[in-house]
Amino acid sequence: MKKLLLLMAVTGMVLSVHAQEFVKGTNIVSAGIGLGSSILSYSGASQTPALSLQYERGVWDIGGPGVVSLGGYIGYKGYSYSGKGGSYSYDQKWHYTVVGIRSAYHYNGLNADKLDVYGGAMLSYNHLSYSYSDNNGTGNVSGAGSYGSAVGLSLYVGGRYFFTDNIAVLVELGYGVAYLNVGIAIKF
């Protein structure tokens, strides 16, 4: 019984490490899944979840309780729709890829070692790849030019809660491939 209590105490000490605040030189990679898409929605279409991958690094101490980060973002969202009328059938597919440069202010004045709260902006290129095909071969279209592709500027706010020195869950509100993004982050 004493060995079990000792093992539990040591395990508790190892698991109760405290993360440091987001500081200059901090690197974080995050992966998320989006809820509520900021990209076009098609009634009756099947869709992929909004997926995103982010990297950021603390680069500027600006005085006061915080650090400014700079990093990159890539996100993906897809839709497909099939229709039928008599003997005629068709398929449409939309693939959205968002590639961006992000910068955020990480506020460190909360005295909460496990919490990283931030807000920032992203400059992105939102690329749309579209394809259409039908069963009679006359409507086969692929890559319809820059249809829907555009440069975007967006704002976001978020937070990460670190369970260990290096692993956190994240929640972010803003515009990327989704309005609400949840996921996991790894600090190194």
Protein backbone atom coordinates (compact mmCIF):
# COMPACT_ATOMS: atom_id res chain seq x y z
CA MET A 1 0.00 0.00 0.00
CA LYS A 2 2.86 2.39 0.83
CA LYS A 3 4.47 1.65 -2.54
CA LEU A 4 1.19 2.43 -4.30
CA LEU A 5 0.82 5.74 -2.42
CA LEU A 6 4.45 6.65 -3.22
CA LEU A 7 3.94 5.78 -6.89
CA MET A 8 0.76 7.91 -7.00
CA ALA A 9 2.54 10.85 -5.34
CA VAL A 10 5.47 10.73 -7.79
CA THR A 11 3.11 10.38 -10.75
CA GLY A 12 1.10 13.37 -9.52
CA MET A 13 4.24 15.50 -9.22
CA VAL A 14 5.34 14.57 -12.74
CA LEU A 15 1.92 15.30 -14.22
CA SER A 16 1.40 18.59 -12.39
CA VAL A 17 4.13 20.51 -14.22
CA HIS A 18 3.42 24.15 -15.01
CA ALA A 19 3.78 25.61 -18.49
CA GLN A 20 5.65 28.85 -18.97
CA GLU A 21 3.98 31.87 -20.48
CA PHE A 22 4.22 32.49 -24.21
CA VAL A 23 7.52 34.37 -24.52
CA LYS A 24 9.96 35.48 -27.21
CA GLY A 25 11.38 32.31 -28.78
CA THR A 26 8.35 30.13 -27.99
CA ASN A 27 7.35 27.86 -30.91
CA ILE A 28 3.91 26.29 -31.19
CA VAL A 29 2.37 23.98 -33.80
CA SER A 30 -1.42 23.60 -33.64
CA ALA A 31 -3.89 21.39 -35.47
CA GLY A 32 -7.61 22.03 -35.36
CA ILE A 33 -11.02 21.11 -36.61
CA GLY A 34 -13.52 23.82 -37.40
CA LEU A 35 -17.15 24.21 -36.48
CA GLY A 36 -19.36 26.54 -38.51
CA SER A 37 -17.80 27.36 -41.83
CA SER A 38 -16.96 30.85 -42.96
CA ILE A 39 -16.67 29.45 -46.48
CA LEU A 40 -19.69 29.04 -48.74
CA SER A 41 -22.27 26.51 -47.65
CA TYR A 42 -24.27 24.40 -50.06
CA SER A 43 -27.64 23.04 -49.03
CA GLY A 44 -27.75 19.29 -49.49
CA ALA A 45 -24.03 19.01 -50.21
CA SER A 46 -21.78 16.59 -48.39
CA GLN A 47 -18.77 18.26 -46.83
CA THR A 48 -15.47 17.62 -45.13
CA PRO A 49 -14.78 19.09 -41.73
CA ALA A 50 -12.77 22.31 -41.74
CA LEU A 51 -9.17 21.35 -40.95
CA SER A 52 -6.29 23.68 -40.09
CA LEU A 53 -2.61 23.57 -39.24
CA GLN A 54 -0.76 26.55 -37.73
CA TYR A 55 2.75 27.44 -36.69
CA GLU A 56 3.78 30.49 -34.68
CA ARG A 57 6.86 31.81 -32.95
CA GLY A 58 7.20 34.53 -30.32
CA VAL A 59 9.30 37.19 -32.06
CA TRP A 60 8.85 40.60 -30.38
CA ASP A 61 8.83 41.72 -26.77
CA ILE A 62 6.94 44.99 -26.98
CA GLY A 63 7.06 45.99 -23.35
CA GLY A 64 4.24 45.37 -20.97
CA PRO A 65 2.74 41.99 -20.28
CA GLY A 66 2.93 40.32 -23.66
CA VAL A 67 4.71 39.08 -26.76
CA VAL A 68 3.90 39.35 -30.47
CA SER A 69 4.09 36.17 -32.54
CA LEU A 70 4.44 35.61 -36.27
CA GLY A 71 3.56 32.44 -38.12
CA GLY A 72 1.76 30.59 -40.87
CA TYR A 73 -1.62 28.98 -41.41
CA ILE A 74 -3.06 26.44 -43.84
CA GLY A 75 -6.67 25.28 -43.82
CA TYR A 76 -8.90 23.08 -45.97
CA LYS A 77 -12.65 22.66 -46.48
CA GLY A 78 -14.42 20.73 -49.23
CA TYR A 79 -17.95 20.28 -50.53
CA SER A 80 -19.42 17.89 -53.08
CA TYR A 81 -22.88 17.78 -54.57
CA SER A 82 -24.48 15.26 -56.92
CA GLY A 83 -27.71 15.81 -58.80
CA LYS A 84 -29.97 13.72 -60.96
CA GLY A 85 -32.85 14.42 -63.29
CA GLY A 86 -34.21 11.52 -65.35
CA SER A 87 -31.23 9.87 -67.04
CA TYR A 88 -29.04 12.97 -66.54
CA SER A 89 -26.69 13.12 -63.55
CA TYR A 90 -23.87 15.43 -62.52
CA ASP A 91 -21.26 15.95 -59.81
CA GLN A 92 -19.83 19.24 -58.50
CA LYS A 93 -16.86 19.63 -56.16
CA TRP A 94 -15.48 22.68 -54.36
CA HIS A 95 -12.08 22.48 -52.60
CA TYR A 96 -11.08 25.52 -50.53
CA THR A 97 -7.49 25.97 -49.38
CA VAL A 98 -6.60 28.93 -47.17
CA VAL A 99 -2.90 29.84 -46.84
CA GLY A 100 -1.98 32.76 -44.60
CA ILE A 101 0.50 34.71 -42.54
CA ARG A 102 -0.64 35.39 -38.96
CA SER A 103 0.49 37.63 -36.17
CA ALA A 104 -0.92 37.75 -32.65
CA TYR A 105 -0.46 39.52 -29.34
CA HIS A 106 -0.16 37.01 -26.47
CA TYR A 107 -1.24 38.64 -23.21
CA ASN A 108 0.79 37.44 -20.21
CA GLY A 109 -0.73 39.66 -17.51
CA LEU A 110 -3.17 37.09 -16.13
CA ASN A 111 -0.58 35.30 -13.95
CA ALA A 112 -1.97 31.98 -15.18
CA ASP A 113 1.01 29.85 -16.20
CA LYS A 114 -1.10 27.24 -17.98
CA LEU A 115 -3.17 29.70 -20.04
CA ASP A 116 -2.15 31.48 -23.26
CA VAL A 117 -4.71 34.07 -24.45
CA TYR A 118 -4.16 35.96 -27.68
CA GLY A 119 -5.71 38.01 -30.43
CA GLY A 120 -4.42 38.78 -33.88
CA ALA A 121 -4.83 39.22 -37.60
CA MET A 122 -4.19 37.06 -40.66
CA LEU A 123 -3.50 37.97 -44.28
CA SER A 124 -4.45 35.02 -46.46
CA TYR A 125 -5.05 33.76 -49.95
CA ASN A 126 -8.24 31.72 -50.18
CA HIS A 127 -7.91 29.41 -53.19
CA LEU A 128 -10.92 27.63 -54.70
CA SER A 129 -10.62 24.62 -56.95
CA TYR A 130 -13.92 23.71 -58.65
CA SER A 131 -14.87 20.78 -60.86
CA TYR A 132 -18.07 19.73 -62.61
CA SER A 133 -18.85 16.59 -64.56
CA ASP A 134 -21.94 14.95 -65.96
CA ASN A 135 -22.81 11.58 -67.48
CA ASN A 136 -23.13 12.78 -71.09
CA GLY A 137 -19.59 14.23 -71.25
CA THR A 138 -20.58 17.72 -72.36
CA GLY A 139 -20.34 19.37 -68.98
CA ASN A 140 -16.87 18.31 -67.87
CA VAL A 141 -15.22 21.37 -66.37
CA SER A 142 -12.21 21.37 -64.09
CA GLY A 143 -10.39 24.22 -62.36
CA ALA A 144 -12.77 27.01 -63.33
CA GLY A 145 -10.13 29.74 -63.19
CA SER A 146 -10.06 31.99 -60.16
CA TYR A 147 -13.77 31.51 -59.50
CA GLY A 148 -14.13 32.44 -55.83
CA SER A 149 -10.39 32.70 -55.07
CA ALA A 150 -9.46 35.88 -53.20
CA VAL A 151 -7.10 37.60 -50.79
CA GLY A 152 -8.52 37.90 -47.28
CA LEU A 153 -7.81 39.80 -44.09
CA SER A 154 -9.25 38.47 -40.85
CA LEU A 155 -9.18 38.94 -37.10
CA TYR A 156 -9.21 36.22 -34.46
CA VAL A 157 -9.05 35.65 -30.70
CA GLY A 158 -8.13 32.46 -28.92
CA GLY A 159 -6.80 30.64 -25.94
CA ARG A 160 -4.73 27.59 -25.14
CA TYR A 161 -4.78 25.65 -21.90
CA PHE A 162 -1.60 23.66 -21.24
CA PHE A 163 -2.03 20.30 -19.50
CA THR A 164 1.75 19.80 -19.53
CA ASP A 165 4.71 22.04 -20.38
CA ASN A 166 4.27 21.17 -24.06
CA ILE A 167 0.69 20.04 -24.79
CA ALA A 168 -2.42 22.22 -24.83
CA VAL A 169 -5.99 22.29 -26.06
CA LEU A 170 -7.04 25.36 -28.02
CA VAL A 171 -10.18 27.27 -28.85
CA GLU A 172 -10.13 30.05 -31.42
CA LEU A 173 -12.85 32.34 -32.80
CA GLY A 174 -12.34 34.17 -36.07
CA TYR A 175 -12.13 33.67 -39.77
CA GLY A 176 -10.06 30.96 -41.42
CA VAL A 177 -11.80 27.89 -42.76
CA ALA A 178 -14.24 28.05 -39.81
CA TYR A 179 -15.66 30.50 -37.29
CA LEU A 180 -14.81 28.28 -34.31
CA ASN A 181 -11.67 26.17 -34.26
CA VAL A 182 -10.86 23.58 -31.56
CA GLY A 183 -7.78 21.44 -31.42
CA ILE A 184 -4.46 20.57 -29.89
CA ALA A 185 -1.20 22.52 -29.69
CA ILE A 186 2.38 21.42 -29.11
CA LYS A 187 4.98 23.83 -27.76
CA PHE A 188 8.68 23.30 -28.42
